[in-house]
Amino acid sequence: MSVGEQLGLDDPNDGLRVLARQRWASWVERHPSLGVAAGPEELRAWLRRSAPDERDALLGVLGRLGSARGGDDCAAAGILLWVLLPGATALAHRLRRLSPVIDELVAAQLWVEARTLPPTTTGRLPARILRNTYREVRRDLGRVPPRDTLWSLCDVVDPSSRDWLDTPAPGEDVCARAELELLLDRACREEVISTTDRHLLLRLVSTSDGQVLPRRCSRGGVTAHPVTVAVGSELGVAERTVRRRAARSLDALTVAYSLHGGTA
């Protein structure tokens, strides 16, 4: 479906466009500047031949009428977006490679923009709506950092994903050690690491907890020299072997379960 179809604006005999025609005369009574067009269907033609200041003034009236913070008239918001459909369609085409449902995402954000305009909005309304829509759709798709710092630290999980099976329920008292064991158990089931690797990593974690390590240690300190030496001695293997096997296992875990990659 196109952006216009998603918004219900492609059919002139249905939905918001019918309401806009019915309400046009009352809008003109309250806002005489709208009288430059005999009806909403003539707006595009008038806008093409009008001066920029005149366009801004008329679209500003529609914007205030359609905003939930202004006139709260959905029909006015619909006609404003109908006027902007050529630009919105081009915007969706530009973003088409980012999502198979890009028309739906663009349409939804356009509606949000039109309905949340400040009641005092003025000037370059089409550019503002399309620019904000472009930015927010890309933000939804992870191409722009989220505004909320806490949200930016979260990983989005599909509700149907089996990841939920390994996630503690809200309020469940699970210590860090148990969370680690859950992750490593999962990694063994999915053959990311072996049971021997799991045992080694748990020994490294336990040993690092009892060591005084430098403030800044890579990999959480589990491959710090004092730790690998102690575990190697305990297991009867060379320190270098411990470090190599631990690094290999941590890299495998990072590739398998990190959304962003990098060093575990």
Protein backbone atom coordinates (compact mmCIF):
# COMPACT_ATOMS: atom_id res chain seq x y z
CA MET A 1 0.00 0.00 0.00
CA SER A 2 1.15 3.54 -0.75
CA VAL A 3 1.52 6.29 1.84
CA GLY A 4 -1.76 7.80 0.61
CA GLU A 5 -3.58 4.49 0.96
CA GLN A 6 -2.16 3.99 4.46
CA LEU A 7 -3.59 7.38 5.44
CA GLY A 8 -6.90 6.78 3.66
CA LEU A 9 -6.36 9.81 1.42
CA ASP A 10 -6.19 8.28 -2.07
CA ASP A 11 -9.94 7.92 -2.52
CA PRO A 12 -11.63 11.36 -2.96
CA ASN A 13 -15.01 9.85 -2.08
CA ASP A 14 -14.08 8.31 1.24
CA GLY A 15 -12.95 9.16 4.73
CA LEU A 16 -11.20 12.38 5.63
CA ARG A 17 -11.41 13.93 2.17
CA VAL A 18 -15.22 13.70 2.24
CA LEU A 19 -15.28 15.22 5.73
CA ALA A 20 -12.98 18.03 4.59
CA ARG A 21 -15.32 18.94 1.72
CA GLN A 22 -18.26 18.96 4.10
CA ARG A 23 -16.48 21.20 6.60
CA TRP A 24 -14.70 23.51 4.18
CA ALA A 25 -17.34 26.25 4.26
CA SER A 26 -17.32 26.36 8.06
CA TRP A 27 -13.53 26.52 8.04
CA VAL A 28 -13.62 29.46 5.64
CA GLU A 29 -16.11 31.26 7.90
CA ARG A 30 -13.70 30.96 10.81
CA HIS A 31 -10.54 31.46 8.74
CA PRO A 32 -11.23 33.62 5.68
CA SER A 33 -7.72 33.05 4.33
CA LEU A 34 -8.87 29.56 3.30
CA GLY A 35 -11.31 31.19 0.91
CA VAL A 36 -8.67 31.39 -1.80
CA ALA A 37 -9.75 27.85 -2.75
CA ALA A 38 -13.34 26.80 -3.42
CA GLY A 39 -12.66 23.51 -1.68
CA PRO A 40 -9.88 21.26 -0.42
CA GLU A 41 -9.48 19.55 -3.81
CA GLU A 42 -8.27 22.85 -5.31
CA LEU A 43 -5.55 23.44 -2.76
CA ARG A 44 -2.69 21.80 -4.65
CA ALA A 45 -3.31 23.88 -7.76
CA TRP A 46 -3.53 27.08 -5.70
CA LEU A 47 -0.35 26.27 -3.77
CA ARG A 48 1.60 25.76 -7.01
CA ARG A 49 0.84 29.27 -8.22
CA SER A 50 0.95 31.14 -4.89
CA ALA A 51 3.80 33.02 -3.23
CA PRO A 52 5.76 31.33 -0.43
CA ASP A 53 4.36 33.61 2.28
CA GLU A 54 0.81 32.92 1.13
CA ARG A 55 1.43 29.17 1.13
CA ASP A 56 2.90 29.30 4.62
CA ALA A 57 -0.07 31.26 5.95
CA LEU A 58 -2.71 28.94 4.51
CA LEU A 59 -0.96 25.71 5.51
CA GLY A 60 -0.39 27.16 8.98
CA VAL A 61 -4.16 27.58 9.33
CA LEU A 62 -4.75 23.97 8.29
CA GLY A 63 -2.01 22.82 10.64
CA ARG A 64 -3.56 24.58 13.62
CA LEU A 65 -7.02 23.28 12.72
CA GLY A 66 -5.79 19.72 12.48
CA SER A 67 -3.54 19.65 15.53
CA ALA A 68 -4.90 17.98 18.66
CA ARG A 69 -3.42 20.97 20.48
CA GLY A 70 -5.37 23.39 18.27
CA GLY A 71 -8.67 22.81 16.47
CA ASP A 72 -8.42 19.03 16.90
CA ASP A 73 -10.05 18.43 13.51
CA CYS A 74 -8.81 15.20 11.94
CA ALA A 75 -10.23 16.19 8.56
CA ALA A 76 -8.02 19.29 8.48
CA ALA A 77 -4.99 17.18 9.39
CA GLY A 78 -5.92 14.78 6.61
CA ILE A 79 -6.15 17.50 3.96
CA LEU A 80 -2.85 18.99 5.11
CA LEU A 81 -1.21 15.59 4.60
CA TRP A 82 -3.01 15.10 1.28
CA VAL A 83 -1.35 18.30 0.10
CA LEU A 84 2.01 16.91 1.23
CA LEU A 85 1.57 13.45 -0.32
CA PRO A 86 3.89 14.03 -3.31
CA GLY A 87 6.74 14.93 -0.95
CA ALA A 88 5.84 12.14 1.48
CA THR A 89 5.80 9.58 -1.34
CA ALA A 90 9.24 10.73 -2.48
CA LEU A 91 10.47 10.49 1.12
CA ALA A 92 9.18 6.90 1.46
CA HIS A 93 10.87 5.99 -1.82
CA ARG A 94 14.14 7.39 -0.50
CA LEU A 95 13.86 5.20 2.62
CA ARG A 96 12.50 2.10 0.87
CA ARG A 97 15.62 0.00 1.43
CA LEU A 98 15.38 0.35 5.21
CA SER A 99 12.13 -1.56 5.72
CA PRO A 100 9.61 -3.62 3.73
CA VAL A 101 6.80 -1.64 5.43
CA ILE A 102 8.28 1.81 4.90
CA ASP A 103 5.02 3.28 3.54
CA GLU A 104 3.27 2.27 6.76
CA LEU A 105 6.02 3.77 8.93
CA VAL A 106 6.08 7.04 6.99
CA ALA A 107 2.29 7.34 7.04
CA ALA A 108 2.13 6.74 10.78
CA GLN A 109 4.79 9.35 11.51
CA LEU A 110 3.18 11.89 9.18
CA TRP A 111 -0.04 11.54 11.13
CA VAL A 112 1.77 11.98 14.43
CA GLU A 113 3.49 15.11 13.11
CA ALA A 114 0.25 16.64 11.82
CA ARG A 115 -1.67 15.92 15.00
CA THR A 116 1.00 17.20 17.40
CA LEU A 117 1.82 20.52 15.76
CA PRO A 118 2.10 23.39 18.26
CA PRO A 119 -0.94 25.70 18.10
CA THR A 120 1.39 28.63 17.34
CA THR A 121 3.13 26.90 14.44
CA THR A 122 4.09 29.16 11.56
CA GLY A 123 6.36 29.10 8.53
CA ARG A 124 7.64 26.33 6.25
CA LEU A 125 5.19 23.77 7.56
CA PRO A 126 5.64 21.20 4.75
CA ALA A 127 9.42 21.19 5.16
CA ARG A 128 9.11 20.84 8.93
CA ILE A 129 6.67 17.92 8.78
CA LEU A 130 8.63 16.03 6.12
CA ARG A 131 11.96 16.69 7.82
CA ASN A 132 10.66 15.49 11.19
CA THR A 133 9.07 12.45 9.58
CA TYR A 134 12.32 11.52 7.85
CA ARG A 135 14.28 11.83 11.10
CA GLU A 136 11.80 9.96 13.30
CA VAL A 137 11.29 7.07 10.88
CA ARG A 138 15.04 6.61 10.69
CA ARG A 139 15.17 6.79 14.50
CA ASP A 140 12.53 4.05 14.73
CA LEU A 141 14.64 1.91 12.41
CA GLY A 142 17.77 2.41 14.51
CA ARG A 143 19.51 4.77 12.07
CA VAL A 144 19.40 7.75 14.46
CA PRO A 145 20.33 7.55 18.18
CA PRO A 146 17.23 7.54 20.42
CA ARG A 147 16.53 10.63 22.48
CA ASP A 148 16.16 8.64 25.69
CA THR A 149 19.61 7.66 26.98
CA LEU A 150 18.19 4.75 29.00
CA TRP A 151 16.34 3.42 25.97
CA SER A 152 19.55 3.58 23.93
CA LEU A 153 21.08 1.05 26.34
CA CYS A 154 18.26 -1.44 25.81
CA ASP A 155 18.11 -4.25 23.27
CA VAL A 156 14.78 -4.73 21.52
CA VAL A 157 13.65 -8.37 21.53
CA ASP A 158 10.96 -9.80 19.28
CA PRO A 159 8.06 -10.95 21.52
CA SER A 160 8.08 -14.32 19.75
CA SER A 161 11.81 -14.82 20.20
CA ARG A 162 13.13 -17.70 22.30
CA ASP A 163 15.40 -15.14 23.98
CA TRP A 164 12.53 -14.54 26.41
CA LEU A 165 12.94 -18.11 27.68
CA ASP A 166 16.38 -17.21 29.01
CA THR A 167 15.38 -13.82 30.40
CA PRO A 168 14.53 -13.56 34.12
CA ALA A 169 10.97 -12.43 34.80
CA PRO A 170 10.47 -8.85 36.13
CA GLY A 171 11.08 -8.82 39.86
CA GLU A 172 12.78 -12.19 39.87
CA ASP A 173 15.80 -12.13 42.19
CA VAL A 174 18.58 -13.44 39.98
CA CYS A 175 22.16 -12.65 40.87
CA ALA A 176 24.80 -11.81 38.30
CA ARG A 177 26.33 -15.27 38.66
CA ALA A 178 23.01 -16.92 37.82
CA GLU A 179 22.50 -14.65 34.83
CA LEU A 180 25.95 -15.57 33.58
CA GLU A 181 25.21 -19.26 34.00
CA LEU A 182 21.95 -18.86 32.08
CA LEU A 183 23.84 -17.25 29.20
CA LEU A 184 26.57 -19.88 29.18
CA ASP A 185 24.03 -22.71 29.40
CA ARG A 186 22.28 -21.28 26.39
CA ALA A 187 25.57 -20.93 24.56
CA CYS A 188 26.31 -24.60 25.18
CA ARG A 189 22.86 -25.66 23.96
CA GLU A 190 23.35 -23.66 20.79
CA GLU A 191 26.91 -24.97 20.38
CA VAL A 192 28.46 -21.50 20.55
CA ILE A 193 30.92 -22.76 23.17
CA SER A 194 31.66 -26.20 24.64
CA THR A 195 30.94 -27.36 28.19
CA THR A 196 34.70 -27.24 28.80
CA ASP A 197 34.75 -23.59 27.73
CA ARG A 198 31.80 -22.92 30.04
CA HIS A 199 33.68 -24.38 33.00
CA LEU A 200 36.79 -22.36 32.16
CA LEU A 201 34.89 -19.08 31.93
CA LEU A 202 33.14 -19.67 35.24
CA ARG A 203 36.49 -20.43 36.93
CA LEU A 204 37.96 -17.25 35.48
CA VAL A 205 35.02 -15.20 36.75
CA SER A 206 35.22 -16.71 40.23
CA THR A 207 38.97 -16.14 40.40
CA SER A 208 38.77 -12.56 39.14
CA ASP A 209 36.26 -11.75 41.90
CA GLY A 210 38.94 -12.49 44.49
CA GLN A 211 41.74 -10.55 42.76
CA VAL A 212 42.75 -6.92 43.15
CA LEU A 213 42.91 -5.82 39.53
CA PRO A 214 43.71 -2.52 37.83
CA ARG A 215 40.73 -0.18 37.53
CA ARG A 216 40.63 -0.56 33.76
CA CYS A 217 40.76 -4.16 32.58
CA SER A 218 39.64 -5.46 29.24
CA ARG A 219 37.02 -8.22 29.15
CA GLY A 220 35.92 -7.44 32.68
CA GLY A 221 39.24 -8.61 34.11
CA VAL A 222 38.65 -12.32 33.43
CA THR A 223 41.69 -12.50 31.14
CA ALA A 224 43.92 -10.35 33.33
CA HIS A 225 47.35 -11.92 33.84
CA PRO A 226 46.99 -12.74 37.57
CA VAL A 227 43.64 -14.43 36.86
CA THR A 228 44.79 -16.58 33.95
CA VAL A 229 47.95 -17.59 35.85
CA ALA A 230 45.92 -18.69 38.89
CA VAL A 231 43.38 -20.64 36.81
CA GLY A 232 46.10 -22.20 34.66
CA SER A 233 47.88 -23.41 37.78
CA GLU A 234 44.65 -24.80 39.18
CA LEU A 235 43.81 -26.68 35.96
CA GLY A 236 47.35 -27.70 35.18
CA VAL A 237 47.59 -25.90 31.84
CA ALA A 238 49.76 -23.06 30.58
CA GLU A 239 48.65 -19.50 31.26
CA ARG A 240 48.89 -18.76 27.55
CA THR A 241 46.49 -21.61 26.78
CA VAL A 242 43.98 -20.33 29.31
CA ARG A 243 44.12 -16.83 27.85
CA ARG A 244 43.76 -18.08 24.26
CA ARG A 245 40.81 -20.36 25.02
CA ALA A 246 39.04 -17.69 27.07
CA ALA A 247 39.51 -15.08 24.34
CA ARG A 248 38.16 -17.50 21.74
CA SER A 249 35.08 -18.26 23.84
CA LEU A 250 34.39 -14.60 24.62
CA ASP A 251 34.70 -13.66 20.96
CA ALA A 252 32.23 -16.41 20.05
CA LEU A 253 29.75 -15.17 22.68
CA THR A 254 30.08 -11.62 21.40
CA VAL A 255 29.40 -12.61 17.81
CA ALA A 256 26.43 -14.78 18.81
CA TYR A 257 24.66 -12.53 21.29
CA SER A 258 25.78 -8.93 20.90
CA LEU A 259 23.58 -6.74 18.71
CA HIS A 260 26.40 -4.28 18.19
CA GLY A 261 29.52 -6.45 17.98
CA GLY A 262 32.75 -5.36 19.61
CA THR A 263 34.80 -6.95 22.38
CA ALA A 264 33.06 -8.85 25.17
